[in-house]
Amino acid sequence: MIVKKLHEAGVTSEHAYLAATASIGLSLVSWLASSRNESLERADRWGIFVGEWAPTFFGLGLALANYEERKSTRADGAPSGSLHEV
């Protein structure tokens, strides 16, 4: 249901994969910025907090990719990527 709503809102698997990759970079940036301004323990917490977003976005990307695949298979009656005559 959530995946369907995301798909209807225009979110694609590529968007989710991009968000996952960006969150990895943001995790590093937040750790570096926090380590310069705060204690190392607090910097570690920020880095881990933001770093936990990546698996969530990768999981959403996989779910959206599966949904997109099923939807395209049902739309034309043939498996996606197969060659068939028109």
C-alpha atoms as a PDB file:
ATOM      1  CA  MET A   1       0.000   0.000   0.000  1.00  0.00           C
ATOM      2  CA  ILE A   2       2.790   2.461   0.858  1.00  0.00           C
ATOM      3  CA  VAL A   3       4.722   1.475  -2.252  1.00  0.00           C
ATOM      4  CA  LYS A   4       1.629   1.974  -4.406  1.00  0.00           C
ATOM      5  CA  LYS A   5       1.035   5.440  -2.902  1.00  0.00           C
ATOM      6  CA  LEU A   6       4.675   6.396  -3.465  1.00  0.00           C
ATOM      7  CA  HIS A   7       4.479   5.191  -7.077  1.00  0.00           C
ATOM      8  CA  GLU A   8       1.271   7.138  -7.656  1.00  0.00           C
ATOM      9  CA  ALA A   9       2.980  10.238  -6.225  1.00  0.00           C
ATOM     10  CA  GLY A  10       5.675   9.897  -8.899  1.00  0.00           C
ATOM     11  CA  VAL A  11       8.449   8.378  -6.784  1.00  0.00           C
ATOM     12  CA  THR A  12      10.477   5.823  -8.748  1.00  0.00           C
ATOM     13  CA  SER A  13      13.019   3.246  -7.671  1.00  0.00           C
ATOM     14  CA  GLU A  14      15.747   5.495  -9.093  1.00  0.00           C
ATOM     15  CA  HIS A  15      14.644   8.277  -6.725  1.00  0.00           C
ATOM     16  CA  ALA A  16      14.905   5.945  -3.743  1.00  0.00           C
ATOM     17  CA  TYR A  17      18.348   4.683  -4.814  1.00  0.00           C
ATOM     18  CA  LEU A  18      19.511   8.279  -5.250  1.00  0.00           C
ATOM     19  CA  ALA A  19      18.224   9.161  -1.778  1.00  0.00           C
ATOM     20  CA  ALA A  20      20.072   6.160  -0.324  1.00  0.00           C
ATOM     21  CA  THR A  21      23.323   7.177  -1.972  1.00  0.00           C
ATOM     22  CA  ALA A  22      22.874  10.792  -0.874  1.00  0.00           C
ATOM     23  CA  SER A  23      22.211   9.694   2.715  1.00  0.00           C
ATOM     24  CA  ILE A  24      25.537   7.852   2.780  1.00  0.00           C
ATOM     25  CA  GLY A  25      27.310  11.062   1.772  1.00  0.00           C
ATOM     26  CA  LEU A  26      25.224  13.094   4.211  1.00  0.00           C
ATOM     27  CA  SER A  27      26.186  10.675   6.978  1.00  0.00           C
ATOM     28  CA  LEU A  28      29.861  11.339   6.337  1.00  0.00           C
ATOM     29  CA  VAL A  29      29.332  15.102   6.102  1.00  0.00           C
ATOM     30  CA  SER A  30      27.274  15.212   9.306  1.00  0.00           C
ATOM     31  CA  TRP A  31      29.909  13.179  11.137  1.00  0.00           C
ATOM     32  CA  LEU A  32      32.728  15.442   9.949  1.00  0.00           C
ATOM     33  CA  ALA A  33      30.845  18.640  10.788  1.00  0.00           C
ATOM     34  CA  SER A  34      29.762  17.346  14.183  1.00  0.00           C
ATOM     35  CA  SER A  35      33.229  16.033  15.070  1.00  0.00           C
ATOM     36  CA  ARG A  36      34.678  19.517  14.582  1.00  0.00           C
ATOM     37  CA  ASN A  37      32.027  21.281  16.651  1.00  0.00           C
ATOM     38  CA  GLU A  38      31.069  18.699  19.278  1.00  0.00           C
ATOM     39  CA  SER A  39      32.443  15.642  21.049  1.00  0.00           C
ATOM     40  CA  LEU A  40      33.414  12.548  19.097  1.00  0.00           C
ATOM     41  CA  GLU A  41      30.653  10.515  20.774  1.00  0.00           C
ATOM     42  CA  ARG A  42      27.999  12.964  19.605  1.00  0.00           C
ATOM     43  CA  ALA A  43      29.513  13.003  16.103  1.00  0.00           C
ATOM     44  CA  ASP A  44      29.304   9.216  16.019  1.00  0.00           C
ATOM     45  CA  ARG A  45      25.631   9.358  16.980  1.00  0.00           C
ATOM     46  CA  TRP A  46      24.855  11.840  14.202  1.00  0.00           C
ATOM     47  CA  GLY A  47      26.724   9.755  11.637  1.00  0.00           C
ATOM     48  CA  ILE A  48      24.973   6.565  12.687  1.00  0.00           C
ATOM     49  CA  PHE A  49      21.549   8.265  12.811  1.00  0.00           C
ATOM     50  CA  VAL A  50      21.809   9.580   9.263  1.00  0.00           C
ATOM     51  CA  GLY A  51      23.544   6.394   8.101  1.00  0.00           C
ATOM     52  CA  GLU A  52      20.493   4.359   9.098  1.00  0.00           C
ATOM     53  CA  TRP A  53      18.481   6.087   6.367  1.00  0.00           C
ATOM     54  CA  ALA A  54      20.418   4.391   3.548  1.00  0.00           C
ATOM     55  CA  PRO A  55      19.102   0.832   4.134  1.00  0.00           C
ATOM     56  CA  THR A  56      15.563   2.196   4.371  1.00  0.00           C
ATOM     57  CA  PHE A  57      15.858   3.998   1.047  1.00  0.00           C
ATOM     58  CA  PHE A  58      17.520   0.974  -0.595  1.00  0.00           C
ATOM     59  CA  GLY A  59      14.658  -1.206   0.672  1.00  0.00           C
ATOM     60  CA  LEU A  60      12.089   1.229  -0.710  1.00  0.00           C
ATOM     61  CA  GLY A  61      13.994   1.242  -3.992  1.00  0.00           C
ATOM     62  CA  LEU A  62      13.789  -2.530  -4.220  1.00  0.00           C
ATOM     63  CA  ALA A  63      10.093  -2.518  -3.348  1.00  0.00           C
ATOM     64  CA  LEU A  64       9.401   0.171  -5.955  1.00  0.00           C
ATOM     65  CA  ALA A  65      11.461  -1.687  -8.575  1.00  0.00           C
ATOM     66  CA  ASN A  66       9.434  -4.856  -7.950  1.00  0.00           C
ATOM     67  CA  TYR A  67       6.193  -2.877  -8.136  1.00  0.00           C
ATOM     68  CA  GLU A  68       7.293  -1.206 -11.382  1.00  0.00           C
ATOM     69  CA  GLU A  69       8.261  -4.589 -12.839  1.00  0.00           C
ATOM     70  CA  ARG A  70       4.935  -6.187 -11.926  1.00  0.00           C
ATOM     71  CA  LYS A  71       3.023  -3.209 -13.259  1.00  0.00           C
ATOM     72  CA  SER A  72       4.864  -3.232 -16.605  1.00  0.00           C
ATOM     73  CA  THR A  73       4.396  -7.005 -16.919  1.00  0.00           C
ATOM     74  CA  ARG A  74       0.653  -6.673 -16.401  1.00  0.00           C
ATOM     75  CA  ALA A  75       0.368  -3.704 -18.765  1.00  0.00           C
ATOM     76  CA  ASP A  76       1.540  -5.473 -21.911  1.00  0.00           C
ATOM     77  CA  GLY A  77       0.925  -9.088 -20.968  1.00  0.00           C
ATOM     78  CA  ALA A  78       4.539 -10.072 -21.582  1.00  0.00           C
ATOM     79  CA  PRO A  79       7.442 -10.124 -19.156  1.00  0.00           C
ATOM     80  CA  SER A  80       9.390  -6.892 -19.081  1.00  0.00           C
ATOM     81  CA  GLY A  81      12.444  -6.995 -21.292  1.00  0.00           C
ATOM     82  CA  SER A  82      11.179  -9.819 -23.459  1.00  0.00           C
ATOM     83  CA  LEU A  83      11.023  -9.589 -27.210  1.00  0.00           C
ATOM     84  CA  HIS A  84       7.592 -10.066 -28.665  1.00  0.00           C
ATOM     85  CA  GLU A  85       6.016  -9.108 -31.958  1.00  0.00           C
ATOM     86  CA  VAL A  86       3.623  -6.225 -32.107  1.00  0.00           C
END
